[in-house]
């Protein structure tokens, strides 16, 4: 399972080489997450309607290597949007993927854009 982590690398808007349409805005729950699959990766997509923001990250929790982050609880920590793993409550920034518990675990994050009610995620592959 450790090799799964190698499939996930943070992508920024600056190093995005392609935008992939992953669904309509109605396909994703308000103030919650859903999972999409792109090539061999599972990506969690979050619709923060309270702040009119969208985020995407790897669905794989690096703590126990489970595909569960799309079902995690979302919120914020001192203004930083975050997701908490539903299994062990490890929390990660949806802005930069850092672990907000101060541990070494980190997640990959991806840019999201909305155009004409369609949701796109940026990748660099």
N, C-alpha and C. Protein backbone atom coordinates (compact mmCIF):
# COMPACT_ATOMS: atom_id res chain seq x y z
N UNK A 1 0.81 -1.21 0.00
CA UNK A 1 0.00 0.00 0.00
C UNK A 1 0.85 1.26 0.00
N UNK A 2 2.05 1.16 0.50
CA UNK A 2 2.92 2.35 0.55
C UNK A 2 3.14 2.96 -0.84
N UNK A 3 3.20 2.10 -1.86
CA UNK A 3 3.40 2.62 -3.21
C UNK A 3 2.22 3.48 -3.68
N UNK A 4 1.05 3.29 -3.06
CA UNK A 4 -0.10 4.14 -3.39
C UNK A 4 0.18 5.60 -3.11
N UNK A 5 0.90 5.87 -2.05
CA UNK A 5 1.21 7.26 -1.70
C UNK A 5 2.02 7.95 -2.79
N UNK A 6 2.82 7.18 -3.52
CA UNK A 6 3.65 7.76 -4.57
C UNK A 6 2.85 8.25 -5.77
N UNK A 7 1.58 7.83 -5.89
CA UNK A 7 0.73 8.26 -7.00
C UNK A 7 0.19 9.67 -6.78
N UNK A 8 0.31 10.18 -5.57
CA UNK A 8 -0.29 11.46 -5.22
C UNK A 8 0.78 12.53 -5.04
N UNK A 9 0.71 13.58 -5.84
CA UNK A 9 1.61 14.72 -5.74
C UNK A 9 0.77 15.98 -5.81
N UNK A 10 1.03 16.91 -4.92
CA UNK A 10 0.29 18.17 -4.93
C UNK A 10 0.46 18.88 -6.26
N UNK A 11 -0.64 19.43 -6.74
CA UNK A 11 -0.65 20.20 -7.97
C UNK A 11 -1.13 21.60 -7.62
N UNK A 12 -0.46 22.59 -8.15
CA UNK A 12 -0.86 23.98 -7.96
C UNK A 12 -1.44 24.50 -9.27
N UNK A 13 -2.16 25.61 -9.22
CA UNK A 13 -2.64 26.17 -10.48
C UNK A 13 -1.50 26.46 -11.46
N UNK A 14 -0.33 26.82 -10.92
CA UNK A 14 0.81 27.15 -11.78
C UNK A 14 1.39 25.93 -12.50
N UNK A 15 1.34 24.75 -11.89
CA UNK A 15 1.91 23.58 -12.57
C UNK A 15 0.85 22.63 -13.13
N UNK A 16 -0.40 23.12 -13.25
CA UNK A 16 -1.46 22.34 -13.86
C UNK A 16 -1.25 22.27 -15.36
N UNK A 17 -1.27 21.05 -15.91
CA UNK A 17 -1.12 20.88 -17.35
C UNK A 17 -2.43 20.52 -18.02
N UNK A 18 -3.39 20.02 -17.26
CA UNK A 18 -4.71 19.74 -17.83
C UNK A 18 -5.78 19.82 -16.75
N UNK A 19 -6.93 20.28 -17.17
CA UNK A 19 -8.10 20.36 -16.30
C UNK A 19 -9.06 19.26 -16.71
N UNK A 20 -9.48 18.45 -15.74
CA UNK A 20 -10.36 17.31 -16.02
C UNK A 20 -11.74 17.59 -15.45
N UNK A 21 -12.75 17.49 -16.32
CA UNK A 21 -14.13 17.67 -15.87
C UNK A 21 -14.54 16.45 -15.07
N UNK A 22 -15.00 16.67 -13.82
CA UNK A 22 -15.33 15.55 -12.94
C UNK A 22 -16.82 15.48 -12.59
N UNK A 23 -17.60 16.43 -13.05
CA UNK A 23 -19.03 16.40 -12.80
C UNK A 23 -19.63 17.79 -12.76
N UNK A 24 -20.90 17.83 -12.44
CA UNK A 24 -21.59 19.11 -12.28
C UNK A 24 -21.53 19.51 -10.81
N UNK A 25 -21.79 20.77 -10.54
CA UNK A 25 -21.79 21.21 -9.13
C UNK A 25 -22.86 20.48 -8.33
N UNK A 26 -23.94 20.06 -8.98
CA UNK A 26 -25.00 19.33 -8.28
C UNK A 26 -24.61 17.90 -7.92
N UNK A 27 -23.52 17.39 -8.52
CA UNK A 27 -23.07 16.03 -8.24
C UNK A 27 -22.36 15.90 -6.89
N UNK A 28 -22.03 17.03 -6.27
CA UNK A 28 -21.26 17.02 -5.02
C UNK A 28 -22.10 17.59 -3.88
N UNK A 29 -22.09 16.93 -2.73
CA UNK A 29 -22.93 17.39 -1.62
C UNK A 29 -22.46 18.73 -1.07
N UNK A 30 -23.41 19.54 -0.66
CA UNK A 30 -23.07 20.81 -0.03
C UNK A 30 -22.42 20.55 1.32
N UNK A 31 -21.32 21.25 1.58
CA UNK A 31 -20.59 21.15 2.84
C UNK A 31 -20.19 19.71 3.17
N UNK A 32 -19.80 18.99 2.13
CA UNK A 32 -19.35 17.62 2.29
C UNK A 32 -18.47 17.22 1.12
N UNK A 33 -18.10 15.95 1.08
CA UNK A 33 -17.20 15.48 0.05
C UNK A 33 -17.75 14.31 -0.73
N UNK A 34 -17.12 14.05 -1.88
CA UNK A 34 -17.42 12.90 -2.72
C UNK A 34 -16.12 12.49 -3.39
N UNK A 35 -16.06 11.27 -3.85
CA UNK A 35 -14.84 10.74 -4.45
C UNK A 35 -15.01 10.57 -5.95
N UNK A 36 -13.96 10.93 -6.70
CA UNK A 36 -13.92 10.66 -8.13
C UNK A 36 -12.65 9.84 -8.39
N UNK A 37 -12.60 9.20 -9.52
CA UNK A 37 -11.40 8.45 -9.88
C UNK A 37 -10.82 9.06 -11.15
N UNK A 38 -9.51 9.34 -11.10
CA UNK A 38 -8.79 9.84 -12.27
C UNK A 38 -7.57 8.94 -12.47
N UNK A 39 -7.55 8.25 -13.61
CA UNK A 39 -6.52 7.25 -13.88
C UNK A 39 -6.47 6.27 -12.71
N UNK A 40 -5.35 6.15 -12.01
CA UNK A 40 -5.25 5.19 -10.91
C UNK A 40 -5.36 5.87 -9.55
N UNK A 41 -5.91 7.10 -9.51
CA UNK A 41 -6.00 7.84 -8.25
C UNK A 41 -7.45 8.10 -7.87
N UNK A 42 -7.70 8.01 -6.58
CA UNK A 42 -8.99 8.44 -6.04
C UNK A 42 -8.80 9.84 -5.46
N UNK A 43 -9.67 10.76 -5.85
CA UNK A 43 -9.58 12.15 -5.44
C UNK A 43 -10.86 12.54 -4.72
N UNK A 44 -10.71 13.12 -3.53
CA UNK A 44 -11.85 13.62 -2.77
C UNK A 44 -12.11 15.07 -3.19
N UNK A 45 -13.36 15.39 -3.44
CA UNK A 45 -13.76 16.74 -3.87
C UNK A 45 -14.75 17.27 -2.84
N UNK A 46 -14.51 18.50 -2.39
CA UNK A 46 -15.34 19.11 -1.34
C UNK A 46 -15.97 20.40 -1.82
N UNK A 47 -17.24 20.58 -1.49
CA UNK A 47 -18.00 21.77 -1.83
C UNK A 47 -18.33 22.51 -0.52
N UNK A 48 -17.54 23.53 -0.20
CA UNK A 48 -17.77 24.34 1.00
C UNK A 48 -18.75 25.46 0.62
N UNK A 49 -20.04 25.22 0.70
CA UNK A 49 -21.00 26.26 0.30
C UNK A 49 -21.00 27.42 1.28
N UNK A 50 -20.62 27.18 2.52
CA UNK A 50 -20.61 28.26 3.50
C UNK A 50 -19.63 29.37 3.13
N UNK A 51 -18.55 29.00 2.40
CA UNK A 51 -17.56 30.00 1.98
C UNK A 51 -17.47 30.09 0.45
N UNK A 52 -18.37 29.42 -0.25
CA UNK A 52 -18.36 29.39 -1.72
C UNK A 52 -17.00 28.95 -2.26
N UNK A 53 -16.43 27.91 -1.66
CA UNK A 53 -15.11 27.41 -2.04
C UNK A 53 -15.17 25.91 -2.36
N UNK A 54 -14.28 25.50 -3.25
CA UNK A 54 -14.14 24.09 -3.62
C UNK A 54 -12.70 23.65 -3.39
N UNK A 55 -12.52 22.40 -2.95
CA UNK A 55 -11.20 21.85 -2.69
C UNK A 55 -11.15 20.42 -3.18
N UNK A 56 -9.94 19.94 -3.46
CA UNK A 56 -9.74 18.54 -3.85
C UNK A 56 -8.43 18.06 -3.24
N UNK A 57 -8.41 16.80 -2.83
CA UNK A 57 -7.21 16.19 -2.26
C UNK A 57 -7.25 14.70 -2.54
N UNK A 58 -6.15 14.04 -2.25
CA UNK A 58 -6.14 12.58 -2.37
C UNK A 58 -7.18 12.01 -1.42
N UNK A 59 -7.82 10.93 -1.81
CA UNK A 59 -8.80 10.27 -0.95
C UNK A 59 -8.11 9.35 0.06
N UNK A 60 -6.86 9.02 -0.19
CA UNK A 60 -6.10 8.10 0.64
C UNK A 60 -5.59 8.80 1.90
N UNK A 61 -6.01 8.34 3.07
CA UNK A 61 -5.47 8.87 4.32
C UNK A 61 -4.08 8.25 4.52
N UNK A 62 -3.05 9.06 4.68
CA UNK A 62 -1.70 8.52 4.80
C UNK A 62 -1.41 7.85 6.15
N UNK A 63 -2.29 8.01 7.11
CA UNK A 63 -2.07 7.44 8.44
C UNK A 63 -2.19 5.92 8.42
N UNK A 64 -3.34 5.41 7.96
CA UNK A 64 -3.56 3.96 7.91
C UNK A 64 -3.78 3.46 6.49
N UNK A 65 -3.53 4.33 5.49
CA UNK A 65 -3.63 3.97 4.07
C UNK A 65 -5.01 3.44 3.71
N UNK A 66 -6.03 4.18 4.12
CA UNK A 66 -7.42 3.84 3.80
C UNK A 66 -8.00 4.92 2.89
N UNK A 67 -8.82 4.54 1.91
CA UNK A 67 -9.47 5.47 0.98
C UNK A 67 -10.75 6.01 1.62
N UNK A 68 -10.59 7.01 2.50
CA UNK A 68 -11.74 7.46 3.28
C UNK A 68 -11.89 8.98 3.40
N UNK A 69 -10.95 9.77 2.92
CA UNK A 69 -11.01 11.20 3.19
C UNK A 69 -12.23 11.89 2.60
N UNK A 70 -12.80 11.37 1.51
CA UNK A 70 -14.00 11.98 0.94
C UNK A 70 -15.18 11.92 1.91
N UNK A 71 -15.11 11.02 2.86
CA UNK A 71 -16.18 10.88 3.87
C UNK A 71 -15.82 11.56 5.19
N UNK A 72 -14.73 12.30 5.17
CA UNK A 72 -14.28 12.97 6.38
C UNK A 72 -15.11 14.20 6.71
N UNK A 73 -14.97 14.64 7.93
CA UNK A 73 -15.67 15.85 8.38
C UNK A 73 -14.86 17.06 7.94
N UNK A 74 -15.53 18.03 7.32
CA UNK A 74 -14.84 19.23 6.87
C UNK A 74 -15.18 20.40 7.77
N UNK A 75 -14.30 21.37 7.79
CA UNK A 75 -14.50 22.57 8.60
C UNK A 75 -13.30 23.47 8.43
N UNK A 76 -12.97 24.21 9.50
CA UNK A 76 -11.77 25.03 9.43
C UNK A 76 -11.10 25.07 10.79
N UNK A 77 -9.82 25.35 10.75
CA UNK A 77 -9.00 25.49 11.95
C UNK A 77 -8.30 26.83 11.84
N UNK A 78 -8.75 27.80 12.61
CA UNK A 78 -8.19 29.14 12.58
C UNK A 78 -8.19 29.72 11.17
N UNK A 79 -9.29 29.50 10.45
CA UNK A 79 -9.45 30.02 9.11
C UNK A 79 -8.88 29.15 8.01
N UNK A 80 -8.24 28.04 8.34
CA UNK A 80 -7.68 27.12 7.34
C UNK A 80 -8.71 26.03 7.07
N UNK A 81 -9.17 25.88 5.80
CA UNK A 81 -10.11 24.79 5.50
C UNK A 81 -9.43 23.45 5.73
N UNK A 82 -10.18 22.52 6.33
CA UNK A 82 -9.56 21.24 6.69
C UNK A 82 -10.53 20.09 6.50
N UNK A 83 -9.96 18.89 6.47
CA UNK A 83 -10.73 17.66 6.48
C UNK A 83 -10.14 16.79 7.59
N UNK A 84 -11.03 16.10 8.32
CA UNK A 84 -10.62 15.16 9.36
C UNK A 84 -10.92 13.75 8.88
N UNK A 85 -9.93 12.87 8.95
CA UNK A 85 -10.13 11.48 8.58
C UNK A 85 -11.26 10.90 9.43
N UNK A 86 -12.24 10.23 8.81
CA UNK A 86 -13.34 9.68 9.59
C UNK A 86 -12.95 8.52 10.51
N UNK A 87 -11.77 7.92 10.28
CA UNK A 87 -11.37 6.79 11.10
C UNK A 87 -10.62 7.20 12.37
N UNK A 88 -9.64 8.07 12.24
CA UNK A 88 -8.80 8.39 13.39
C UNK A 88 -8.67 9.88 13.66
N UNK A 89 -9.46 10.69 12.94
CA UNK A 89 -9.55 12.14 13.18
C UNK A 89 -8.26 12.91 12.94
N UNK A 90 -7.34 12.38 12.14
CA UNK A 90 -6.17 13.16 11.72
C UNK A 90 -6.69 14.27 10.82
N UNK A 91 -6.24 15.50 11.02
CA UNK A 91 -6.76 16.62 10.24
C UNK A 91 -5.70 17.18 9.31
N UNK A 92 -6.15 17.55 8.10
CA UNK A 92 -5.26 18.02 7.05
C UNK A 92 -5.80 19.31 6.45
N UNK A 93 -4.88 20.22 6.13
CA UNK A 93 -5.24 21.46 5.44
C UNK A 93 -5.62 21.13 4.01
N UNK A 94 -6.74 21.69 3.56
CA UNK A 94 -7.14 21.52 2.17
C UNK A 94 -6.49 22.55 1.27
N UNK A 95 -5.74 23.49 1.86
CA UNK A 95 -5.01 24.47 1.08
C UNK A 95 -3.65 23.95 0.65
N UNK A 96 -2.90 23.35 1.58
CA UNK A 96 -1.54 22.91 1.25
C UNK A 96 -1.26 21.45 1.62
N UNK A 97 -2.23 20.74 2.19
CA UNK A 97 -2.07 19.33 2.51
C UNK A 97 -1.36 19.03 3.81
N UNK A 98 -0.93 20.06 4.52
CA UNK A 98 -0.18 19.83 5.77
C UNK A 98 -1.07 19.21 6.83
N UNK A 99 -0.42 18.48 7.74
CA UNK A 99 -1.12 17.84 8.85
C UNK A 99 -1.28 18.88 9.96
N UNK A 100 -2.52 19.15 10.33
CA UNK A 100 -2.79 20.17 11.34
C UNK A 100 -2.62 19.65 12.76
N UNK A 101 -2.31 18.35 12.90
CA UNK A 101 -2.02 17.76 14.21
C UNK A 101 -0.53 17.82 14.52
N UNK A 102 0.27 18.34 13.60
CA UNK A 102 1.71 18.45 13.82
C UNK A 102 2.49 17.19 13.54
N UNK A 103 1.85 16.20 12.92
CA UNK A 103 2.53 14.95 12.60
C UNK A 103 3.14 15.02 11.21
N UNK A 104 3.93 14.02 10.84
CA UNK A 104 4.62 14.02 9.56
C UNK A 104 3.73 13.72 8.37
N UNK A 105 2.54 13.17 8.58
CA UNK A 105 1.65 12.84 7.47
C UNK A 105 1.26 14.09 6.71
N UNK A 106 1.15 13.95 5.38
CA UNK A 106 0.74 15.06 4.53
C UNK A 106 -0.09 14.48 3.40
N UNK A 107 -1.00 15.27 2.83
CA UNK A 107 -1.79 14.82 1.70
C UNK A 107 -1.55 15.72 0.49
N UNK A 108 -1.77 15.17 -0.69
CA UNK A 108 -1.68 15.96 -1.92
C UNK A 108 -3.00 16.70 -2.12
N UNK A 109 -2.89 17.95 -2.57
CA UNK A 109 -4.07 18.75 -2.88
C UNK A 109 -4.02 19.16 -4.35
N UNK A 110 -5.19 19.48 -4.89
CA UNK A 110 -5.34 19.79 -6.30
C UNK A 110 -6.21 21.03 -6.46
N UNK A 111 -5.93 21.86 -7.49
CA UNK A 111 -6.79 23.02 -7.72
C UNK A 111 -8.14 22.60 -8.30
N UNK A 112 -9.15 23.39 -7.99
CA UNK A 112 -10.50 23.15 -8.50
C UNK A 112 -10.99 24.44 -9.13
N UNK A 113 -11.66 24.31 -10.27
CA UNK A 113 -12.31 25.48 -10.85
C UNK A 113 -13.72 25.09 -11.28
N UNK A 114 -14.61 26.08 -11.24
CA UNK A 114 -15.99 25.89 -11.63
C UNK A 114 -16.25 26.78 -12.84
N UNK A 115 -16.76 26.18 -13.90
CA UNK A 115 -17.14 26.93 -15.10
C UNK A 115 -18.47 26.39 -15.60
N UNK A 116 -19.46 27.27 -15.73
CA UNK A 116 -20.79 26.89 -16.23
C UNK A 116 -21.35 25.70 -15.45
N UNK A 117 -21.25 25.74 -14.13
CA UNK A 117 -21.74 24.68 -13.23
C UNK A 117 -21.06 23.34 -13.43
N UNK A 118 -19.90 23.32 -14.08
CA UNK A 118 -19.11 22.11 -14.22
C UNK A 118 -17.89 22.22 -13.30
N UNK A 119 -17.52 21.09 -12.68
CA UNK A 119 -16.39 21.06 -11.75
C UNK A 119 -15.18 20.45 -12.47
N UNK A 120 -14.05 21.15 -12.41
CA UNK A 120 -12.81 20.70 -13.02
C UNK A 120 -11.72 20.61 -11.95
N UNK A 121 -10.89 19.58 -12.05
CA UNK A 121 -9.73 19.43 -11.16
C UNK A 121 -8.47 19.51 -12.02
N UNK A 122 -7.48 20.23 -11.51
CA UNK A 122 -6.23 20.40 -12.23
C UNK A 122 -5.24 19.30 -11.89
N UNK A 123 -4.64 18.73 -12.93
CA UNK A 123 -3.62 17.69 -12.78
C UNK A 123 -2.38 18.09 -13.57
N UNK A 124 -1.26 17.44 -13.25
CA UNK A 124 -0.01 17.73 -13.96
C UNK A 124 0.52 16.50 -14.67
N UNK A 125 -0.36 15.59 -15.02
CA UNK A 125 0.08 14.37 -15.73
C UNK A 125 -0.42 14.33 -17.15
